[in-house]
């Protein structure tokens, strides 16, 4: 379920769809516990749908307007530079035999 579809619903419809999704989640959990669930993605997607519905319902109760996406600033990419050699530091120690 897309967030735009959820935002188009009213508060009563959100409560109804939340109850439906919770029922689906119960059925998925029951099937999973009995070993009959073959596709576990339905379980994950249902949990996410419940979270989306609850989030949008909370936005509506707080009267938040989240219909327009926030623009992210464009970050300049780093240009690859040539590898600089580290300067050699003389410590005064000499190698054996020199």
C-alpha atoms as a PDB file:
ATOM      1  CA  UNK A   1       0.000   0.000   0.000  1.00  0.00           C
ATOM      2  CA  UNK A   2       1.459   3.330  -1.062  1.00  0.00           C
ATOM      3  CA  UNK A   3       1.593   6.306   1.329  1.00  0.00           C
ATOM      4  CA  UNK A   4      -0.331   8.446  -1.170  1.00  0.00           C
ATOM      5  CA  UNK A   5      -3.187   5.910  -1.102  1.00  0.00           C
ATOM      6  CA  UNK A   6      -3.214   5.957   2.687  1.00  0.00           C
ATOM      7  CA  UNK A   7      -3.167   9.773   2.875  1.00  0.00           C
ATOM      8  CA  UNK A   8      -6.219   9.924   0.594  1.00  0.00           C
ATOM      9  CA  UNK A   9      -8.291   8.032   3.167  1.00  0.00           C
ATOM     10  CA  UNK A  10     -10.228   9.569   6.039  1.00  0.00           C
ATOM     11  CA  UNK A  11      -9.730   8.791   9.721  1.00  0.00           C
ATOM     12  CA  UNK A  12     -12.500   6.166   9.857  1.00  0.00           C
ATOM     13  CA  UNK A  13     -11.166   4.437   6.755  1.00  0.00           C
ATOM     14  CA  UNK A  14      -7.674   4.416   8.284  1.00  0.00           C
ATOM     15  CA  UNK A  15      -9.000   2.733  11.419  1.00  0.00           C
ATOM     16  CA  UNK A  16     -10.830   0.164   9.297  1.00  0.00           C
ATOM     17  CA  UNK A  17      -7.783  -0.633   7.155  1.00  0.00           C
ATOM     18  CA  UNK A  18      -5.611  -0.810  10.287  1.00  0.00           C
ATOM     19  CA  UNK A  19      -7.927  -3.433  11.788  1.00  0.00           C
ATOM     20  CA  UNK A  20      -7.877  -5.376   8.510  1.00  0.00           C
ATOM     21  CA  UNK A  21      -4.070  -5.335   8.371  1.00  0.00           C
ATOM     22  CA  UNK A  22      -3.828  -6.433  12.003  1.00  0.00           C
ATOM     23  CA  UNK A  23      -6.133  -9.338  11.172  1.00  0.00           C
ATOM     24  CA  UNK A  24      -3.923 -10.249   8.225  1.00  0.00           C
ATOM     25  CA  UNK A  25      -0.860 -10.080  10.464  1.00  0.00           C
ATOM     26  CA  UNK A  26      -2.516 -12.403  12.974  1.00  0.00           C
ATOM     27  CA  UNK A  27      -3.305 -14.889  10.206  1.00  0.00           C
ATOM     28  CA  UNK A  28       0.266 -14.712   8.873  1.00  0.00           C
ATOM     29  CA  UNK A  29       1.710 -15.271  12.340  1.00  0.00           C
ATOM     30  CA  UNK A  30      -0.593 -18.223  12.896  1.00  0.00           C
ATOM     31  CA  UNK A  31       0.420 -19.794   9.585  1.00  0.00           C
ATOM     32  CA  UNK A  32       4.085 -19.121  10.291  1.00  0.00           C
ATOM     33  CA  UNK A  33       3.852 -20.747  13.702  1.00  0.00           C
ATOM     34  CA  UNK A  34       2.245 -23.847  12.238  1.00  0.00           C
ATOM     35  CA  UNK A  35       4.807 -24.038   9.442  1.00  0.00           C
ATOM     36  CA  UNK A  36       2.262 -23.462   6.673  1.00  0.00           C
ATOM     37  CA  UNK A  37       3.522 -20.051   5.541  1.00  0.00           C
ATOM     38  CA  UNK A  38       5.527 -20.405   2.347  1.00  0.00           C
ATOM     39  CA  UNK A  39       6.097 -16.743   1.438  1.00  0.00           C
ATOM     40  CA  UNK A  40       7.281 -14.747   4.417  1.00  0.00           C
ATOM     41  CA  UNK A  41       7.337 -11.472   2.486  1.00  0.00           C
ATOM     42  CA  UNK A  42       3.621 -11.075   3.183  1.00  0.00           C
ATOM     43  CA  UNK A  43       4.392 -10.972   6.892  1.00  0.00           C
ATOM     44  CA  UNK A  44       7.025  -8.267   6.403  1.00  0.00           C
ATOM     45  CA  UNK A  45       4.882  -6.192   4.037  1.00  0.00           C
ATOM     46  CA  UNK A  46       1.893  -6.340   6.377  1.00  0.00           C
ATOM     47  CA  UNK A  47       4.000  -5.102   9.290  1.00  0.00           C
ATOM     48  CA  UNK A  48       5.245  -2.230   7.159  1.00  0.00           C
ATOM     49  CA  UNK A  49       1.724  -1.360   6.009  1.00  0.00           C
ATOM     50  CA  UNK A  50       0.581  -1.223   9.633  1.00  0.00           C
ATOM     51  CA  UNK A  51       3.462   1.107  10.459  1.00  0.00           C
ATOM     52  CA  UNK A  52       2.625   3.336   7.479  1.00  0.00           C
ATOM     53  CA  UNK A  53      -1.033   3.539   8.434  1.00  0.00           C
ATOM     54  CA  UNK A  54      -0.210   4.351  12.049  1.00  0.00           C
ATOM     55  CA  UNK A  55       2.318   7.006  11.012  1.00  0.00           C
ATOM     56  CA  UNK A  56      -0.064   8.752   8.635  1.00  0.00           C
ATOM     57  CA  UNK A  57      -2.895   8.566  11.185  1.00  0.00           C
ATOM     58  CA  UNK A  58      -0.584  10.259  13.687  1.00  0.00           C
ATOM     59  CA  UNK A  59       0.314  12.939  11.134  1.00  0.00           C
ATOM     60  CA  UNK A  60      -3.367  13.632  10.619  1.00  0.00           C
ATOM     61  CA  UNK A  61      -4.046  13.959  14.349  1.00  0.00           C
ATOM     62  CA  UNK A  62      -1.148  16.417  14.653  1.00  0.00           C
ATOM     63  CA  UNK A  63      -2.363  18.230  11.513  1.00  0.00           C
ATOM     64  CA  UNK A  64       0.962  17.879   9.754  1.00  0.00           C
ATOM     65  CA  UNK A  65       1.040  18.565   6.027  1.00  0.00           C
ATOM     66  CA  UNK A  66       3.441  16.022   4.549  1.00  0.00           C
ATOM     67  CA  UNK A  67       2.116  15.933   0.996  1.00  0.00           C
ATOM     68  CA  UNK A  68       5.137  17.566  -0.645  1.00  0.00           C
ATOM     69  CA  UNK A  69       8.462  15.739  -0.638  1.00  0.00           C
ATOM     70  CA  UNK A  70      11.430  17.528   0.863  1.00  0.00           C
ATOM     71  CA  UNK A  71      14.130  18.439  -1.628  1.00  0.00           C
ATOM     72  CA  UNK A  72      17.563  17.202  -0.756  1.00  0.00           C
ATOM     73  CA  UNK A  73      20.513  19.453  -1.520  1.00  0.00           C
ATOM     74  CA  UNK A  74      22.848  18.400  -4.281  1.00  0.00           C
ATOM     75  CA  UNK A  75      26.280  17.531  -2.970  1.00  0.00           C
ATOM     76  CA  UNK A  76      29.294  18.028  -5.207  1.00  0.00           C
ATOM     77  CA  UNK A  77      31.199  14.865  -5.941  1.00  0.00           C
ATOM     78  CA  UNK A  78      34.843  14.611  -5.009  1.00  0.00           C
ATOM     79  CA  UNK A  79      37.194  14.533  -7.935  1.00  0.00           C
ATOM     80  CA  UNK A  80      39.804  11.804  -7.892  1.00  0.00           C
ATOM     81  CA  UNK A  81      43.251  13.233  -7.326  1.00  0.00           C
ATOM     82  CA  UNK A  82      46.635  11.719  -7.906  1.00  0.00           C
ATOM     83  CA  UNK A  83      48.243  10.020  -4.982  1.00  0.00           C
ATOM     84  CA  UNK A  84      50.852  12.201  -3.325  1.00  0.00           C
ATOM     85  CA  UNK A  85      54.001  10.636  -2.008  1.00  0.00           C
ATOM     86  CA  UNK A  86      54.717  11.025   1.656  1.00  0.00           C
ATOM     87  CA  UNK A  87      57.932  12.870   2.431  1.00  0.00           C
ATOM     88  CA  UNK A  88      60.706  10.650   3.721  1.00  0.00           C
ATOM     89  CA  UNK A  89      61.775  11.534   7.226  1.00  0.00           C
ATOM     90  CA  UNK A  90      65.384  10.923   8.192  1.00  0.00           C
ATOM     91  CA  UNK A  91      65.746   9.738  11.749  1.00  0.00           C
ATOM     92  CA  UNK A  92      69.486   9.615  11.877  1.00  0.00           C
ATOM     93  CA  UNK A  93      69.565   5.835  12.184  1.00  0.00           C
ATOM     94  CA  UNK A  94      71.459   3.969   9.558  1.00  0.00           C
ATOM     95  CA  UNK A  95      70.962   0.517   8.197  1.00  0.00           C
ATOM     96  CA  UNK A  96      73.441  -2.204   9.075  1.00  0.00           C
ATOM     97  CA  UNK A  97      76.308  -2.384   6.696  1.00  0.00           C
ATOM     98  CA  UNK A  98      76.218   1.244   5.568  1.00  0.00           C
END
